[in-house]
Amino acid sequence: MLVRERVKNQLGYPEAAKDMIKPKSLFTAVEQYSMGTSRSLDDYLQIVGLNMNTKEVTYTAWCETGMPPPGFEKYEHLYQA
């Protein structure tokens, strides 16, 4: 249960804000286990169609149809059958 709250905090769930989670030791070394630095969490969530505030999933046609996600069109040649 505690680890889930840590992960929810890392993913930006509003109900898992740092000031709402106890014990605070859950955040020990949290920066070492992040989502990485290739893109911001907001950019990633938009690409995969997730909204943590409204708990909605957007249809991601690019994934369903085997096309590159928005912003990655330069890799379209890799998706050719």
PDB file of N, CA and C in Angstrom:
ATOM      1  N   MET A   1       0.817  -1.183   0.000  1.00  0.00           N
ATOM      2  CA  MET A   1       0.000   0.000   0.000  1.00  0.00           C
ATOM      3  C   MET A   1       0.871   1.260   0.000  1.00  0.00           C
ATOM      4  N   LEU A   2       1.939   1.268   0.781  1.00  0.00           N
ATOM      5  CA  LEU A   2       2.787   2.446   0.867  1.00  0.00           C
ATOM      6  C   LEU A   2       3.528   2.720  -0.431  1.00  0.00           C
ATOM      7  N   VAL A   3       4.028   1.674  -1.067  1.00  0.00           N
ATOM      8  CA  VAL A   3       4.761   1.851  -2.318  1.00  0.00           C
ATOM      9  C   VAL A   3       3.828   2.418  -3.386  1.00  0.00           C
ATOM     10  N   ARG A   4       2.580   1.982  -3.386  1.00  0.00           N
ATOM     11  CA  ARG A   4       1.609   2.497  -4.358  1.00  0.00           C
ATOM     12  C   ARG A   4       1.462   4.009  -4.217  1.00  0.00           C
ATOM     13  N   GLU A   5       1.426   4.513  -2.999  1.00  0.00           N
ATOM     14  CA  GLU A   5       1.305   5.956  -2.783  1.00  0.00           C
ATOM     15  C   GLU A   5       2.534   6.697  -3.310  1.00  0.00           C
ATOM     16  N   ARG A   6       3.705   6.106  -3.148  1.00  0.00           N
ATOM     17  CA  ARG A   6       4.930   6.715  -3.673  1.00  0.00           C
ATOM     18  C   ARG A   6       4.877   6.804  -5.190  1.00  0.00           C
ATOM     19  N   VAL A   7       4.464   5.718  -5.839  1.00  0.00           N
ATOM     20  CA  VAL A   7       4.367   5.695  -7.301  1.00  0.00           C
ATOM     21  C   VAL A   7       3.298   6.679  -7.781  1.00  0.00           C
ATOM     22  N   LYS A   8       2.168   6.716  -7.102  1.00  0.00           N
ATOM     23  CA  LYS A   8       1.116   7.666  -7.475  1.00  0.00           C
ATOM     24  C   LYS A   8       1.616   9.101  -7.353  1.00  0.00           C
ATOM     25  N   ASN A   9       2.422   9.377  -6.352  1.00  0.00           N
ATOM     26  CA  ASN A   9       3.012  10.704  -6.213  1.00  0.00           C
ATOM     27  C   ASN A   9       3.926  11.002  -7.390  1.00  0.00           C
ATOM     28  N   GLN A  10       4.750  10.041  -7.778  1.00  0.00           N
ATOM     29  CA  GLN A  10       5.670  10.241  -8.899  1.00  0.00           C
ATOM     30  C   GLN A  10       4.924  10.455 -10.211  1.00  0.00           C
ATOM     31  N   LEU A  11       3.743   9.866 -10.344  1.00  0.00           N
ATOM     32  CA  LEU A  11       2.959  10.013 -11.564  1.00  0.00           C
ATOM     33  C   LEU A  11       2.045  11.233 -11.554  1.00  0.00           C
ATOM     34  N   GLY A  12       2.003  11.954 -10.439  1.00  0.00           N
ATOM     35  CA  GLY A  12       1.269  13.201 -10.407  1.00  0.00           C
ATOM     36  C   GLY A  12      -0.177  13.122  -9.976  1.00  0.00           C
ATOM     37  N   TYR A  13      -0.579  12.037  -9.329  1.00  0.00           N
ATOM     38  CA  TYR A  13      -1.948  11.968  -8.815  1.00  0.00           C
ATOM     39  C   TYR A  13      -2.129  13.057  -7.760  1.00  0.00           C
ATOM     40  N   PRO A  14      -3.168  13.905  -7.882  1.00  0.00           N
ATOM     41  CA  PRO A  14      -3.338  14.985  -6.910  1.00  0.00           C
ATOM     42  C   PRO A  14      -3.548  14.489  -5.482  1.00  0.00           C
ATOM     43  N   GLU A  15      -4.218  13.369  -5.312  1.00  0.00           N
ATOM     44  CA  GLU A  15      -4.479  12.856  -3.961  1.00  0.00           C
ATOM     45  C   GLU A  15      -3.239  12.235  -3.327  1.00  0.00           C
ATOM     46  N   ALA A  16      -2.151  12.161  -4.081  1.00  0.00           N
ATOM     47  CA  ALA A  16      -0.905  11.610  -3.547  1.00  0.00           C
ATOM     48  C   ALA A  16       0.175  12.692  -3.489  1.00  0.00           C
ATOM     49  N   ALA A  17      -0.251  13.929  -3.267  1.00  0.00           N
ATOM     50  CA  ALA A  17       0.712  15.024  -3.133  1.00  0.00           C
ATOM     51  C   ALA A  17       1.622  14.746  -1.937  1.00  0.00           C
ATOM     52  N   LYS A  18       2.831  15.248  -2.019  1.00  0.00           N
ATOM     53  CA  LYS A  18       3.841  14.949  -1.004  1.00  0.00           C
ATOM     54  C   LYS A  18       3.386  15.314   0.410  1.00  0.00           C
ATOM     55  N   ASP A  19       2.625  16.400   0.533  1.00  0.00           N
ATOM     56  CA  ASP A  19       2.192  16.819   1.866  1.00  0.00           C
ATOM     57  C   ASP A  19       1.040  15.976   2.410  1.00  0.00           C
ATOM     58  N   MET A  20       0.495  15.070   1.596  1.00  0.00           N
ATOM     59  CA  MET A  20      -0.624  14.238   2.030  1.00  0.00           C
ATOM     60  C   MET A  20      -0.214  12.808   2.377  1.00  0.00           C
ATOM     61  N   ILE A  21       1.045  12.473   2.151  1.00  0.00           N
ATOM     62  CA  ILE A  21       1.492  11.090   2.334  1.00  0.00           C
ATOM     63  C   ILE A  21       2.348  10.971   3.592  1.00  0.00           C
ATOM     64  N   LYS A  22       2.058   9.949   4.360  1.00  0.00           N
ATOM     65  CA  LYS A  22       2.852   9.617   5.547  1.00  0.00           C
ATOM     66  C   LYS A  22       3.118   8.126   5.517  1.00  0.00           C
ATOM     67  N   PRO A  23       4.238   7.673   5.930  1.00  0.00           N
ATOM     68  CA  PRO A  23       5.362   8.394   6.493  1.00  0.00           C
ATOM     69  C   PRO A  23       6.191   9.075   5.405  1.00  0.00           C
ATOM     70  N   LYS A  24       6.843  10.137   5.773  1.00  0.00           N
ATOM     71  CA  LYS A  24       7.670  10.892   4.824  1.00  0.00           C
ATOM     72  C   LYS A  24       8.875  10.081   4.353  1.00  0.00           C
ATOM     73  N   SER A  25       9.212   9.030   5.070  1.00  0.00           N
ATOM     74  CA  SER A  25      10.337   8.186   4.658  1.00  0.00           C
ATOM     75  C   SER A  25      10.073   7.511   3.310  1.00  0.00           C
ATOM     76  N   LEU A  26       8.828   7.506   2.853  1.00  0.00           N
ATOM     77  CA  LEU A  26       8.526   6.960   1.527  1.00  0.00           C
ATOM     78  C   LEU A  26       9.260   7.705   0.422  1.00  0.00           C
ATOM     79  N   PHE A  27       9.652   8.936   0.713  1.00  0.00           N
ATOM     80  CA  PHE A  27      10.302   9.753  -0.303  1.00  0.00           C
ATOM     81  C   PHE A  27      11.820   9.709  -0.229  1.00  0.00           C
ATOM     82  N   THR A  28      12.356   8.805   0.575  1.00  0.00           N
ATOM     83  CA  THR A  28      13.801   8.640   0.655  1.00  0.00           C
ATOM     84  C   THR A  28      14.326   8.188  -0.703  1.00  0.00           C
ATOM     85  N   ALA A  29      15.268   8.935  -1.252  1.00  0.00           N
ATOM     86  CA  ALA A  29      15.914   8.636  -2.543  1.00  0.00           C
ATOM     87  C   ALA A  29      14.925   8.574  -3.696  1.00  0.00           C
ATOM     88  N   VAL A  30      13.789   9.241  -3.602  1.00  0.00           N
ATOM     89  CA  VAL A  30      12.776   9.181  -4.660  1.00  0.00           C
ATOM     90  C   VAL A  30      13.314   9.721  -5.988  1.00  0.00           C
ATOM     91  N   GLU A  31      14.209  10.693  -5.934  1.00  0.00           N
ATOM     92  CA  GLU A  31      14.754  11.257  -7.174  1.00  0.00           C
ATOM     93  C   GLU A  31      15.632  10.254  -7.927  1.00  0.00           C
ATOM     94  N   GLN A  32      16.130   9.238  -7.255  1.00  0.00           N
ATOM     95  CA  GLN A  32      16.943   8.219  -7.919  1.00  0.00           C
ATOM     96  C   GLN A  32      16.091   7.237  -8.722  1.00  0.00           C
ATOM     97  N   TYR A  33      14.807   7.216  -8.464  1.00  0.00           N
ATOM     98  CA  TYR A  33      13.906   6.277  -9.133  1.00  0.00           C
ATOM     99  C   TYR A  33      12.794   7.048  -9.832  1.00  0.00           C
ATOM    100  N   SER A  34      13.196   7.961 -10.690  1.00  0.00           N
ATOM    101  CA  SER A  34      12.240   8.816 -11.366  1.00  0.00           C
ATOM    102  C   SER A  34      11.889   8.249 -12.738  1.00  0.00           C
ATOM    103  N   MET A  35      11.110   9.010 -13.461  1.00  0.00           N
ATOM    104  CA  MET A  35      10.700   8.614 -14.806  1.00  0.00           C
ATOM    105  C   MET A  35      11.801   8.870 -15.833  1.00  0.00           C
ATOM    106  N   GLY A  36      12.903   9.453 -15.411  1.00  0.00           N
ATOM    107  CA  GLY A  36      13.994   9.745 -16.329  1.00  0.00           C
ATOM    108  C   GLY A  36      13.983  11.196 -16.764  1.00  0.00           C
ATOM    109  N   THR A  37      14.834  11.525 -17.729  1.00  0.00           N
ATOM    110  CA  THR A  37      14.991  12.914 -18.146  1.00  0.00           C
ATOM    111  C   THR A  37      14.776  13.131 -19.638  1.00  0.00           C
ATOM    112  N   SER A  38      14.357  12.111 -20.372  1.00  0.00           N
ATOM    113  CA  SER A  38      14.167  12.258 -21.817  1.00  0.00           C
ATOM    114  C   SER A  38      13.034  13.217 -22.151  1.00  0.00           C
ATOM    115  N   ARG A  39      12.004  13.216 -21.320  1.00  0.00           N
ATOM    116  CA  ARG A  39      10.866  14.119 -21.510  1.00  0.00           C
ATOM    117  C   ARG A  39      10.235  14.368 -20.155  1.00  0.00           C
ATOM    118  N   SER A  40       9.456  15.417 -20.071  1.00  0.00           N
ATOM    119  CA  SER A  40       8.791  15.711 -18.795  1.00  0.00           C
ATOM    120  C   SER A  40       7.666  14.710 -18.565  1.00  0.00           C
ATOM    121  N   LEU A  41       7.274  14.576 -17.323  1.00  0.00           N
ATOM    122  CA  LEU A  41       6.163  13.684 -16.999  1.00  0.00           C
ATOM    123  C   LEU A  41       4.907  14.138 -17.718  1.00  0.00           C
ATOM    124  N   ASP A  42       4.656  15.447 -17.776  1.00  0.00           N
ATOM    125  CA  ASP A  42       3.473  15.959 -18.475  1.00  0.00           C
ATOM    126  C   ASP A  42       3.490  15.581 -19.954  1.00  0.00           C
ATOM    127  N   ASP A  43       4.651  15.695 -20.596  1.00  0.00           N
ATOM    128  CA  ASP A  43       4.757  15.305 -22.007  1.00  0.00           C
ATOM    129  C   ASP A  43       4.480  13.815 -22.183  1.00  0.00           C
ATOM    130  N   TYR A  44       5.044  13.003 -21.313  1.00  0.00           N
ATOM    131  CA  TYR A  44       4.828  11.557 -21.393  1.00  0.00           C
ATOM    132  C   TYR A  44       3.349  11.204 -21.224  1.00  0.00           C
ATOM    133  N   LEU A  45       2.722  11.792 -20.209  1.00  0.00           N
ATOM    134  CA  LEU A  45       1.307  11.492 -19.965  1.00  0.00           C
ATOM    135  C   LEU A  45       0.440  11.921 -21.144  1.00  0.00           C
ATOM    136  N   GLN A  46       0.789  13.033 -21.776  1.00  0.00           N
ATOM    137  CA  GLN A  46       0.035  13.479 -22.946  1.00  0.00           C
ATOM    138  C   GLN A  46       0.218  12.504 -24.112  1.00  0.00           C
ATOM    139  N   ILE A  47       1.431  12.045 -24.331  1.00  0.00           N
ATOM    140  CA  ILE A  47       1.699  11.101 -25.425  1.00  0.00           C
ATOM    141  C   ILE A  47       0.908   9.806 -25.236  1.00  0.00           C
ATOM    142  N   VAL A  48       0.876   9.290 -24.009  1.00  0.00           N
ATOM    143  CA  VAL A  48       0.193   8.018 -23.771  1.00  0.00           C
ATOM    144  C   VAL A  48      -1.294   8.188 -23.455  1.00  0.00           C
ATOM    145  N   GLY A  49      -1.764   9.447 -23.404  1.00  0.00           N
ATOM    146  CA  GLY A  49      -3.182   9.702 -23.247  1.00  0.00           C
ATOM    147  C   GLY A  49      -3.726   9.547 -21.848  1.00  0.00           C
ATOM    148  N   LEU A  50      -2.940   9.875 -20.834  1.00  0.00           N
ATOM    149  CA  LEU A  50      -3.398   9.757 -19.449  1.00  0.00           C
ATOM    150  C   LEU A  50      -3.532  11.128 -18.811  1.00  0.00           C
ATOM    151  N   ASN A  51      -4.626  11.335 -18.073  1.00  0.00           N
ATOM    152  CA  ASN A  51      -4.828  12.560 -17.319  1.00  0.00           C
ATOM    153  C   ASN A  51      -5.029  12.161 -15.867  1.00  0.00           C
ATOM    154  N   MET A  52      -4.043  12.431 -15.038  1.00  0.00           N
ATOM    155  CA  MET A  52      -4.098  12.017 -13.638  1.00  0.00           C
ATOM    156  C   MET A  52      -5.074  12.854 -12.818  1.00  0.00           C
ATOM    157  N   ASN A  53      -5.345  14.084 -13.240  1.00  0.00           N
ATOM    158  CA  ASN A  53      -6.276  14.930 -12.499  1.00  0.00           C
ATOM    159  C   ASN A  53      -7.716  14.474 -12.673  1.00  0.00           C
ATOM    160  N   THR A  54      -8.090  14.159 -13.915  1.00  0.00           N
ATOM    161  CA  THR A  54      -9.482  13.760 -14.182  1.00  0.00           C
ATOM    162  C   THR A  54      -9.650  12.248 -14.220  1.00  0.00           C
ATOM    163  N   LYS A  55      -8.567  11.525 -14.129  1.00  0.00           N
ATOM    164  CA  LYS A  55      -8.574  10.051 -14.184  1.00  0.00           C
ATOM    165  C   LYS A  55      -9.178   9.558 -15.504  1.00  0.00           C
ATOM    166  N   GLU A  56      -8.801  10.232 -16.594  1.00  0.00           N
ATOM    167  CA  GLU A  56      -9.305   9.867 -17.911  1.00  0.00           C
ATOM    168  C   GLU A  56      -8.184   9.325 -18.781  1.00  0.00           C
ATOM    169  N   VAL A  57      -8.563   8.433 -19.677  1.00  0.00           N
ATOM    170  CA  VAL A  57      -7.649   7.894 -20.674  1.00  0.00           C
ATOM    171  C   VAL A  57      -8.145   8.345 -22.032  1.00  0.00           C
ATOM    172  N   THR A  58      -7.284   8.999 -22.780  1.00  0.00           N
ATOM    173  CA  THR A  58      -7.626   9.458 -24.117  1.00  0.00           C
ATOM    174  C   THR A  58      -7.292   8.352 -25.115  1.00  0.00           C
ATOM    175  N   TYR A  59      -8.148   8.176 -26.091  1.00  0.00           N
ATOM    176  CA  TYR A  59      -7.875   7.188 -27.136  1.00  0.00           C
ATOM    177  C   TYR A  59      -6.592   7.579 -27.860  1.00  0.00           C
ATOM    178  N   THR A  60      -5.674   6.680 -27.892  1.00  0.00           N
ATOM    179  CA  THR A  60      -4.388   6.933 -28.546  1.00  0.00           C
ATOM    180  C   THR A  60      -4.334   6.139 -29.846  1.00  0.00           C
ATOM    181  N   ALA A  61      -4.916   6.710 -30.871  1.00  0.00           N
ATOM    182  CA  ALA A  61      -5.004   6.036 -32.163  1.00  0.00           C
ATOM    183  C   ALA A  61      -3.635   5.637 -32.693  1.00  0.00           C
ATOM    184  N   TRP A  62      -2.631   6.440 -32.398  1.00  0.00           N
ATOM    185  CA  TRP A  62      -1.301   6.120 -32.896  1.00  0.00           C
ATOM    186  C   TRP A  62      -0.849   4.761 -32.411  1.00  0.00           C
ATOM    187  N   CYS A  63      -1.182   4.408 -31.187  1.00  0.00           N
ATOM    188  CA  CYS A  63      -0.788   3.124 -30.625  1.00  0.00           C
ATOM    189  C   CYS A  63      -1.641   1.994 -31.213  1.00  0.00           C
ATOM    190  N   GLU A  64      -2.925   2.252 -31.305  1.00  0.00           N
ATOM    191  CA  GLU A  64      -3.857   1.231 -31.799  1.00  0.00           C
ATOM    192  C   GLU A  64      -3.632   0.901 -33.276  1.00  0.00           C
ATOM    193  N   THR A  65      -3.130   1.872 -34.031  1.00  0.00           N
ATOM    194  CA  THR A  65      -2.946   1.666 -35.468  1.00  0.00           C
ATOM    195  C   THR A  65      -1.504   1.391 -35.860  1.00  0.00           C
ATOM    196  N   GLY A  66      -0.597   1.388 -34.862  1.00  0.00           N
ATOM    197  CA  GLY A  66       0.801   1.087 -35.155  1.00  0.00           C
ATOM    198  C   GLY A  66       1.553   2.231 -35.799  1.00  0.00           C
ATOM    199  N   MET A  67       1.208   3.460 -35.435  1.00  0.00           N
ATOM    200  CA  MET A  67       1.884   4.636 -35.969  1.00  0.00           C
ATOM    201  C   MET A  67       2.704   5.282 -34.845  1.00  0.00           C
ATOM    202  N   PRO A  68       3.675   6.120 -35.193  1.00  0.00           N
ATOM    203  CA  PRO A  68       4.443   6.794 -34.145  1.00  0.00           C
ATOM    204  C   PRO A  68       3.575   7.820 -33.414  1.00  0.00           C
ATOM    205  N   PRO A  69       3.844   8.064 -32.150  1.00  0.00           N
ATOM    206  CA  PRO A  69       3.065   9.045 -31.396  1.00  0.00           C
ATOM    207  C   PRO A  69       3.323  10.464 -31.892  1.00  0.00           C
ATOM    208  N   PRO A  70       2.441  11.400 -31.547  1.00  0.00           N
ATOM    209  CA  PRO A  70       2.645  12.800 -31.946  1.00  0.00           C
ATOM    210  C   PRO A  70       4.010  13.305 -31.504  1.00  0.00           C
ATOM    211  N   GLY A  71       4.682  13.966 -32.417  1.00  0.00           N
ATOM    212  CA  GLY A  71       6.016  14.485 -32.133  1.00  0.00           C
ATOM    213  C   GLY A  71       7.131  13.535 -32.530  1.00  0.00           C
ATOM    214  N   PHE A  72       6.781  12.323 -32.944  1.00  0.00           N
ATOM    215  CA  PHE A  72       7.776  11.325 -33.324  1.00  0.00           C
ATOM    216  C   PHE A  72       7.605  10.889 -34.785  1.00  0.00           C
ATOM    217  N   GLU A  73       7.014  11.762 -35.580  1.00  0.00           N
ATOM    218  CA  GLU A  73       6.752  11.438 -36.977  1.00  0.00           C
ATOM    219  C   GLU A  73       8.020  11.119 -37.762  1.00  0.00           C
ATOM    220  N   LYS A  74       9.158  11.646 -37.322  1.00  0.00           N
ATOM    221  CA  LYS A  74      10.410  11.369 -38.029  1.00  0.00           C
ATOM    222  C   LYS A  74      10.779   9.885 -37.997  1.00  0.00           C
ATOM    223  N   TYR A  75      10.137   9.126 -37.097  1.00  0.00           N
ATOM    224  CA  TYR A  75      10.396   7.687 -37.010  1.00  0.00           C
ATOM    225  C   TYR A  75       9.338   6.857 -37.739  1.00  0.00           C
ATOM    226  N   GLU A  76       8.526   7.506 -38.523  1.00  0.00           N
ATOM    227  CA  GLU A  76       7.431   6.805 -39.206  1.00  0.00           C
ATOM    228  C   GLU A  76       7.947   5.662 -40.097  1.00  0.00           C
ATOM    229  N   HIS A  77       9.127   5.840 -40.666  1.00  0.00           N
ATOM    230  CA  HIS A  77       9.692   4.796 -41.520  1.00  0.00           C
ATOM    231  C   HIS A  77       9.937   3.488 -40.747  1.00  0.00           C
ATOM    232  N   LEU A  78      10.071   3.561 -39.445  1.00  0.00           N
ATOM    233  CA  LEU A  78      10.284   2.364 -38.633  1.00  0.00           C
ATOM    234  C   LEU A  78       8.989   1.579 -38.404  1.00  0.00           C
ATOM    235  N   TYR A  79       7.856   2.211 -38.694  1.00  0.00           N
ATOM    236  CA  TYR A  79       6.555   1.583 -38.443  1.00  0.00           C
ATOM    237  C   TYR A  79       5.949   0.964 -39.700  1.00  0.00           C
ATOM    238  N   GLN A  80       6.669   1.011 -40.788  1.00  0.00           N
ATOM    239  CA  GLN A  80       6.151   0.444 -42.041  1.00  0.00           C
ATOM    240  C   GLN A  80       6.148  -1.082 -41.954  1.00  0.00           C
ATOM    241  N   ALA A  81       5.073  -1.652 -42.430  1.00  0.00           N
ATOM    242  CA  ALA A  81       4.935  -3.119 -42.391  1.00  0.00           C
ATOM    243  C   ALA A  81       5.750  -3.795 -43.457  1.00  0.00           C
TER     244      ALA A  81
END
